[in-house]
Amino acid sequence: MQELVTFLAKELVDHPDQVVVNETEGPEAVILELHVAEEDMGKVIGKQGRIAKAIRAVVKAATAKNSKPVFVEIQ
């Protein structure tokens, strides 16, 4: 999942070299923290959070068969 989120974010932003995705696996869920440049934050979130929701929907669909849910946090 980390590669998927990295790919999606790099295609959206102006500074793809500053995209970093950290994966933290807990006992009940997996958390992906997406870090982008400050000026690219709006491009990743989108108007009214539409792009962020779309990224989360793609990750949720890709991990539907996993036992642990995967959450994406944009920072």
PDB file of N, CA and C in Angstrom:
ATOM      1  N   MET A   1       0.809  -1.194   0.000  1.00  0.00           N
ATOM      2  CA  MET A   1       0.000   0.000   0.000  1.00  0.00           C
ATOM      3  C   MET A   1       0.855   1.262   0.000  1.00  0.00           C
ATOM      4  N   GLN A   2       1.999   1.170   0.603  1.00  0.00           N
ATOM      5  CA  GLN A   2       2.880   2.326   0.683  1.00  0.00           C
ATOM      6  C   GLN A   2       3.291   2.792  -0.716  1.00  0.00           C
ATOM      7  N   GLU A   3       3.579   1.848  -1.616  1.00  0.00           N
ATOM      8  CA  GLU A   3       3.950   2.208  -2.984  1.00  0.00           C
ATOM      9  C   GLU A   3       2.779   2.829  -3.732  1.00  0.00           C
ATOM     10  N   LEU A   4       1.581   2.340  -3.491  1.00  0.00           N
ATOM     11  CA  LEU A   4       0.398   2.875  -4.154  1.00  0.00           C
ATOM     12  C   LEU A   4       0.151   4.331  -3.763  1.00  0.00           C
ATOM     13  N   VAL A   5       0.202   4.621  -2.482  1.00  0.00           N
ATOM     14  CA  VAL A   5      -0.014   5.996  -2.010  1.00  0.00           C
ATOM     15  C   VAL A   5       1.109   6.908  -2.505  1.00  0.00           C
ATOM     16  N   THR A   6       2.332   6.414  -2.505  1.00  0.00           N
ATOM     17  CA  THR A   6       3.457   7.204  -3.005  1.00  0.00           C
ATOM     18  C   THR A   6       3.270   7.537  -4.475  1.00  0.00           C
ATOM     19  N   PHE A   7       2.878   6.562  -5.274  1.00  0.00           N
ATOM     20  CA  PHE A   7       2.655   6.793  -6.696  1.00  0.00           C
ATOM     21  C   PHE A   7       1.549   7.817  -6.930  1.00  0.00           C
ATOM     22  N   LEU A   8       0.432   7.654  -6.253  1.00  0.00           N
ATOM     23  CA  LEU A   8      -0.684   8.587  -6.423  1.00  0.00           C
ATOM     24  C   LEU A   8      -0.290  10.011  -6.045  1.00  0.00           C
ATOM     25  N   ALA A   9       0.409  10.156  -4.934  1.00  0.00           N
ATOM     26  CA  ALA A   9       0.792  11.488  -4.463  1.00  0.00           C
ATOM     27  C   ALA A   9       1.809  12.138  -5.396  1.00  0.00           C
ATOM     28  N   LYS A  10       2.772  11.368  -5.880  1.00  0.00           N
ATOM     29  CA  LYS A  10       3.791  11.930  -6.766  1.00  0.00           C
ATOM     30  C   LYS A  10       3.196  12.415  -8.081  1.00  0.00           C
ATOM     31  N   GLU A  11       2.147  11.781  -8.540  1.00  0.00           N
ATOM     32  CA  GLU A  11       1.502  12.209  -9.778  1.00  0.00           C
ATOM     33  C   GLU A  11       0.695  13.496  -9.598  1.00  0.00           C
ATOM     34  N   LEU A  12       0.322  13.817  -8.376  1.00  0.00           N
ATOM     35  CA  LEU A  12      -0.511  14.990  -8.112  1.00  0.00           C
ATOM     36  C   LEU A  12       0.275  16.263  -7.829  1.00  0.00           C
ATOM     37  N   VAL A  13       1.456  16.151  -7.274  1.00  0.00           N
ATOM     38  CA  VAL A  13       2.164  17.319  -6.737  1.00  0.00           C
ATOM     39  C   VAL A  13       3.182  17.897  -7.715  1.00  0.00           C
ATOM     40  N   ASP A  14       3.641  19.126  -7.425  1.00  0.00           N
ATOM     41  CA  ASP A  14       4.683  19.779  -8.211  1.00  0.00           C
ATOM     42  C   ASP A  14       6.085  19.382  -7.757  1.00  0.00           C
ATOM     43  N   HIS A  15       6.220  18.936  -6.517  1.00  0.00           N
ATOM     44  CA  HIS A  15       7.517  18.556  -5.954  1.00  0.00           C
ATOM     45  C   HIS A  15       7.488  17.081  -5.544  1.00  0.00           C
ATOM     46  N   PRO A  16       7.568  16.157  -6.510  1.00  0.00           N
ATOM     47  CA  PRO A  16       7.456  14.730  -6.178  1.00  0.00           C
ATOM     48  C   PRO A  16       8.615  14.212  -5.332  1.00  0.00           C
ATOM     49  N   ASP A  17       9.751  14.922  -5.338  1.00  0.00           N
ATOM     50  CA  ASP A  17      10.879  14.475  -4.534  1.00  0.00           C
ATOM     51  C   ASP A  17      10.641  14.666  -3.037  1.00  0.00           C
ATOM     52  N   GLN A  18       9.654  15.476  -2.664  1.00  0.00           N
ATOM     53  CA  GLN A  18       9.364  15.720  -1.247  1.00  0.00           C
ATOM     54  C   GLN A  18       8.217  14.860  -0.710  1.00  0.00           C
ATOM     55  N   VAL A  19       7.740  13.918  -1.504  1.00  0.00           N
ATOM     56  CA  VAL A  19       6.664  13.024  -1.050  1.00  0.00           C
ATOM     57  C   VAL A  19       7.275  11.894  -0.231  1.00  0.00           C
ATOM     58  N   VAL A  20       6.778  11.737   0.989  1.00  0.00           N
ATOM     59  CA  VAL A  20       7.250  10.677   1.886  1.00  0.00           C
ATOM     60  C   VAL A  20       6.027   9.997   2.489  1.00  0.00           C
ATOM     61  N   VAL A  21       6.029   8.663   2.466  1.00  0.00           N
ATOM     62  CA  VAL A  21       4.939   7.900   3.075  1.00  0.00           C
ATOM     63  C   VAL A  21       5.537   6.991   4.136  1.00  0.00           C
ATOM     64  N   ASN A  22       5.087   7.161   5.367  1.00  0.00           N
ATOM     65  CA  ASN A  22       5.536   6.320   6.484  1.00  0.00           C
ATOM     66  C   ASN A  22       4.412   5.370   6.863  1.00  0.00           C
ATOM     67  N   GLU A  23       4.766   4.111   7.055  1.00  0.00           N
ATOM     68  CA  GLU A  23       3.780   3.097   7.421  1.00  0.00           C
ATOM     69  C   GLU A  23       3.978   2.686   8.869  1.00  0.00           C
ATOM     70  N   THR A  24       2.894   2.750   9.636  1.00  0.00           N
ATOM     71  CA  THR A  24       2.917   2.330  11.031  1.00  0.00           C
ATOM     72  C   THR A  24       1.871   1.239  11.202  1.00  0.00           C
ATOM     73  N   GLU A  25       2.325   0.078  11.661  1.00  0.00           N
ATOM     74  CA  GLU A  25       1.388  -1.031  11.825  1.00  0.00           C
ATOM     75  C   GLU A  25       1.111  -1.233  13.304  1.00  0.00           C
ATOM     76  N   GLY A  26      -0.143  -1.071  13.657  1.00  0.00           N
ATOM     77  CA  GLY A  26      -0.569  -1.274  15.027  1.00  0.00           C
ATOM     78  C   GLY A  26      -1.261  -2.617  15.173  1.00  0.00           C
ATOM     79  N   PRO A  27      -1.765  -2.911  16.356  1.00  0.00           N
ATOM     80  CA  PRO A  27      -2.423  -4.200  16.575  1.00  0.00           C
ATOM     81  C   PRO A  27      -3.761  -4.332  15.847  1.00  0.00           C
ATOM     82  N   GLU A  28      -4.442  -3.213  15.588  1.00  0.00           N
ATOM     83  CA  GLU A  28      -5.755  -3.287  14.962  1.00  0.00           C
ATOM     84  C   GLU A  28      -5.839  -2.643  13.585  1.00  0.00           C
ATOM     85  N   ALA A  29      -4.843  -1.829  13.213  1.00  0.00           N
ATOM     86  CA  ALA A  29      -4.916  -1.127  11.930  1.00  0.00           C
ATOM     87  C   ALA A  29      -3.524  -0.758  11.443  1.00  0.00           C
ATOM     88  N   VAL A  30      -3.464  -0.406  10.160  1.00  0.00           N
ATOM     89  CA  VAL A  30      -2.245   0.091   9.546  1.00  0.00           C
ATOM     90  C   VAL A  30      -2.483   1.559   9.200  1.00  0.00           C
ATOM     91  N   ILE A  31      -1.544   2.422   9.564  1.00  0.00           N
ATOM     92  CA  ILE A  31      -1.680   3.851   9.298  1.00  0.00           C
ATOM     93  C   ILE A  31      -0.589   4.270   8.324  1.00  0.00           C
ATOM     94  N   LEU A  32      -0.991   4.902   7.226  1.00  0.00           N
ATOM     95  CA  LEU A  32      -0.058   5.452   6.260  1.00  0.00           C
ATOM     96  C   LEU A  32      -0.060   6.965   6.417  1.00  0.00           C
ATOM     97  N   GLU A  33       1.094   7.530   6.749  1.00  0.00           N
ATOM     98  CA  GLU A  33       1.221   8.978   6.911  1.00  0.00           C
ATOM     99  C   GLU A  33       1.845   9.545   5.645  1.00  0.00           C
ATOM    100  N   LEU A  34       1.113  10.404   4.958  1.00  0.00           N
ATOM    101  CA  LEU A  34       1.571  11.014   3.721  1.00  0.00           C
ATOM    102  C   LEU A  34       2.065  12.420   4.016  1.00  0.00           C
ATOM    103  N   HIS A  35       3.334  12.672   3.732  1.00  0.00           N
ATOM    104  CA  HIS A  35       3.932  13.990   3.929  1.00  0.00           C
ATOM    105  C   HIS A  35       4.265  14.565   2.556  1.00  0.00           C
ATOM    106  N   VAL A  36       3.806  15.786   2.290  1.00  0.00           N
ATOM    107  CA  VAL A  36       4.115  16.474   1.036  1.00  0.00           C
ATOM    108  C   VAL A  36       4.616  17.878   1.371  1.00  0.00           C
ATOM    109  N   ALA A  37       5.140  18.570   0.351  1.00  0.00           N
ATOM    110  CA  ALA A  37       5.593  19.947   0.539  1.00  0.00           C
ATOM    111  C   ALA A  37       4.406  20.827   0.910  1.00  0.00           C
ATOM    112  N   GLU A  38       4.681  21.895   1.638  1.00  0.00           N
ATOM    113  CA  GLU A  38       3.619  22.785   2.121  1.00  0.00           C
ATOM    114  C   GLU A  38       2.775  23.346   0.979  1.00  0.00           C
ATOM    115  N   GLU A  39       3.427  23.726  -0.117  1.00  0.00           N
ATOM    116  CA  GLU A  39       2.685  24.317  -1.240  1.00  0.00           C
ATOM    117  C   GLU A  39       1.901  23.279  -2.040  1.00  0.00           C
ATOM    118  N   ASP A  40       2.170  21.996  -1.842  1.00  0.00           N
ATOM    119  CA  ASP A  40       1.436  20.934  -2.534  1.00  0.00           C
ATOM    120  C   ASP A  40       0.283  20.375  -1.715  1.00  0.00           C
ATOM    121  N   MET A  41       0.110  20.843  -0.498  1.00  0.00           N
ATOM    122  CA  MET A  41      -0.924  20.312   0.382  1.00  0.00           C
ATOM    123  C   MET A  41      -2.317  20.451  -0.242  1.00  0.00           C
ATOM    124  N   GLY A  42      -2.610  21.578  -0.840  1.00  0.00           N
ATOM    125  CA  GLY A  42      -3.923  21.793  -1.450  1.00  0.00           C
ATOM    126  C   GLY A  42      -4.193  20.862  -2.609  1.00  0.00           C
ATOM    127  N   LYS A  43      -3.157  20.504  -3.349  1.00  0.00           N
ATOM    128  CA  LYS A  43      -3.335  19.597  -4.487  1.00  0.00           C
ATOM    129  C   LYS A  43      -3.645  18.181  -4.027  1.00  0.00           C
ATOM    130  N   VAL A  44      -3.108  17.794  -2.899  1.00  0.00           N
ATOM    131  CA  VAL A  44      -3.355  16.445  -2.386  1.00  0.00           C
ATOM    132  C   VAL A  44      -4.718  16.365  -1.701  1.00  0.00           C
ATOM    133  N   ILE A  45      -5.131  17.444  -1.066  1.00  0.00           N
ATOM    134  CA  ILE A  45      -6.418  17.449  -0.375  1.00  0.00           C
ATOM    135  C   ILE A  45      -7.553  17.722  -1.354  1.00  0.00           C
ATOM    136  N   GLY A  46      -7.395  18.692  -2.240  1.00  0.00           N
ATOM    137  CA  GLY A  46      -8.427  19.014  -3.223  1.00  0.00           C
ATOM    138  C   GLY A  46      -9.537  19.855  -2.633  1.00  0.00           C
ATOM    139  N   LYS A  47     -10.420  20.317  -3.507  1.00  0.00           N
ATOM    140  CA  LYS A  47     -11.553  21.124  -3.049  1.00  0.00           C
ATOM    141  C   LYS A  47     -12.494  20.271  -2.215  1.00  0.00           C
ATOM    142  N   GLN A  48     -12.778  20.754  -1.048  1.00  0.00           N
ATOM    143  CA  GLN A  48     -13.649  20.080  -0.079  1.00  0.00           C
ATOM    144  C   GLN A  48     -13.178  18.659   0.235  1.00  0.00           C
ATOM    145  N   GLY A  49     -11.872  18.414   0.085  1.00  0.00           N
ATOM    146  CA  GLY A  49     -11.302  17.118   0.432  1.00  0.00           C
ATOM    147  C   GLY A  49     -11.597  16.005  -0.554  1.00  0.00           C
ATOM    148  N   ARG A  50     -11.971  16.343  -1.767  1.00  0.00           N
ATOM    149  CA  ARG A  50     -12.362  15.309  -2.735  1.00  0.00           C
ATOM    150  C   ARG A  50     -11.206  14.404  -3.130  1.00  0.00           C
ATOM    151  N   ILE A  51     -10.028  14.968  -3.346  1.00  0.00           N
ATOM    152  CA  ILE A  51      -8.883  14.147  -3.751  1.00  0.00           C
ATOM    153  C   ILE A  51      -8.444  13.264  -2.595  1.00  0.00           C
ATOM    154  N   ALA A  52      -8.435  13.806  -1.382  1.00  0.00           N
ATOM    155  CA  ALA A  52      -8.078  13.011  -0.209  1.00  0.00           C
ATOM    156  C   ALA A  52      -9.058  11.851  -0.035  1.00  0.00           C
ATOM    157  N   LYS A  53     -10.333  12.110  -0.226  1.00  0.00           N
ATOM    158  CA  LYS A  53     -11.337  11.042  -0.131  1.00  0.00           C
ATOM    159  C   LYS A  53     -11.121   9.992  -1.208  1.00  0.00           C
ATOM    160  N   ALA A  54     -10.744  10.430  -2.414  1.00  0.00           N
ATOM    161  CA  ALA A  54     -10.499   9.492  -3.509  1.00  0.00           C
ATOM    162  C   ALA A  54      -9.287   8.611  -3.212  1.00  0.00           C
ATOM    163  N   ILE A  55      -8.225   9.198  -2.672  1.00  0.00           N
ATOM    164  CA  ILE A  55      -7.041   8.409  -2.305  1.00  0.00           C
ATOM    165  C   ILE A  55      -7.412   7.377  -1.249  1.00  0.00           C
ATOM    166  N   ARG A  56      -8.179   7.803  -0.253  1.00  0.00           N
ATOM    167  CA  ARG A  56      -8.600   6.868   0.802  1.00  0.00           C
ATOM    168  C   ARG A  56      -9.497   5.768   0.240  1.00  0.00           C
ATOM    169  N   ALA A  57     -10.358   6.096  -0.719  1.00  0.00           N
ATOM    170  CA  ALA A  57     -11.246   5.100  -1.320  1.00  0.00           C
ATOM    171  C   ALA A  57     -10.447   4.063  -2.116  1.00  0.00           C
ATOM    172  N   VAL A  58      -9.431   4.505  -2.834  1.00  0.00           N
ATOM    173  CA  VAL A  58      -8.596   3.574  -3.599  1.00  0.00           C
ATOM    174  C   VAL A  58      -7.850   2.636  -2.654  1.00  0.00           C
ATOM    175  N   VAL A  59      -7.312   3.177  -1.576  1.00  0.00           N
ATOM    176  CA  VAL A  59      -6.592   2.350  -0.603  1.00  0.00           C
ATOM    177  C   VAL A  59      -7.546   1.372   0.065  1.00  0.00           C
ATOM    178  N   LYS A  60      -8.727   1.837   0.401  1.00  0.00           N
ATOM    179  CA  LYS A  60      -9.718   0.957   1.037  1.00  0.00           C
ATOM    180  C   LYS A  60     -10.126  -0.179   0.103  1.00  0.00           C
ATOM    181  N   ALA A  61     -10.306   0.121  -1.176  1.00  0.00           N
ATOM    182  CA  ALA A  61     -10.674  -0.910  -2.145  1.00  0.00           C
ATOM    183  C   ALA A  61      -9.532  -1.901  -2.354  1.00  0.00           C
ATOM    184  N   ALA A  62      -8.305  -1.405  -2.353  1.00  0.00           N
ATOM    185  CA  ALA A  62      -7.153  -2.280  -2.558  1.00  0.00           C
ATOM    186  C   ALA A  62      -6.896  -3.189  -1.361  1.00  0.00           C
ATOM    187  N   THR A  63      -7.333  -2.784  -0.185  1.00  0.00           N
ATOM    188  CA  THR A  63      -7.096  -3.587   1.021  1.00  0.00           C
ATOM    189  C   THR A  63      -8.378  -4.232   1.549  1.00  0.00           C
ATOM    190  N   ALA A  64      -9.365  -4.374   0.724  1.00  0.00           N
ATOM    191  CA  ALA A  64     -10.660  -4.898   1.167  1.00  0.00           C
ATOM    192  C   ALA A  64     -10.544  -6.314   1.736  1.00  0.00           C
ATOM    193  N   LYS A  65      -9.640  -7.109   1.217  1.00  0.00           N
ATOM    194  CA  LYS A  65      -9.514  -8.493   1.671  1.00  0.00           C
ATOM    195  C   LYS A  65      -8.585  -8.658   2.865  1.00  0.00           C
ATOM    196  N   ASN A  66      -7.906  -7.595   3.261  1.00  0.00           N
ATOM    197  CA  ASN A  66      -7.018  -7.669   4.422  1.00  0.00           C
ATOM    198  C   ASN A  66      -7.822  -7.695   5.709  1.00  0.00           C
ATOM    199  N   SER A  67      -7.237  -8.271   6.728  1.00  0.00           N
ATOM    200  CA  SER A  67      -7.934  -8.336   8.012  1.00  0.00           C
ATOM    201  C   SER A  67      -7.846  -7.018   8.765  1.00  0.00           C
ATOM    202  N   LYS A  68      -6.777  -6.248   8.534  1.00  0.00           N
ATOM    203  CA  LYS A  68      -6.606  -4.961   9.214  1.00  0.00           C
ATOM    204  C   LYS A  68      -7.008  -3.818   8.288  1.00  0.00           C
ATOM    205  N   PRO A  69      -7.752  -2.856   8.795  1.00  0.00           N
ATOM    206  CA  PRO A  69      -8.056  -1.682   7.973  1.00  0.00           C
ATOM    207  C   PRO A  69      -6.821  -0.802   7.814  1.00  0.00           C
ATOM    208  N   VAL A  70      -6.769  -0.074   6.698  1.00  0.00           N
ATOM    209  CA  VAL A  70      -5.655   0.822   6.414  1.00  0.00           C
ATOM    210  C   VAL A  70      -6.191   2.251   6.363  1.00  0.00           C
ATOM    211  N   PHE A  71      -5.579   3.144   7.127  1.00  0.00           N
ATOM    212  CA  PHE A  71      -5.985   4.540   7.171  1.00  0.00           C
ATOM    213  C   PHE A  71      -4.887   5.405   6.580  1.00  0.00           C
ATOM    214  N   VAL A  72      -5.277   6.455   5.843  1.00  0.00           N
ATOM    215  CA  VAL A  72      -4.325   7.381   5.251  1.00  0.00           C
ATOM    216  C   VAL A  72      -4.482   8.720   5.948  1.00  0.00           C
ATOM    217  N   GLU A  73      -3.376   9.210   6.508  1.00  0.00           N
ATOM    218  CA  GLU A  73      -3.347  10.523   7.146  1.00  0.00           C
ATOM    219  C   GLU A  73      -2.460  11.432   6.303  1.00  0.00           C
ATOM    220  N   ILE A  74      -2.966  12.601   5.952  1.00  0.00           N
ATOM    221  CA  ILE A  74      -2.201  13.552   5.151  1.00  0.00           C
ATOM    222  C   ILE A  74      -1.659  14.628   6.078  1.00  0.00           C
ATOM    223  N   GLN A  75      -0.340  14.801   6.062  1.00  0.00           N
ATOM    224  CA  GLN A  75       0.297  15.766   6.964  1.00  0.00           C
ATOM    225  C   GLN A  75       1.207  16.671   6.185  1.00  0.00           C
TER     226      GLN A  75
END
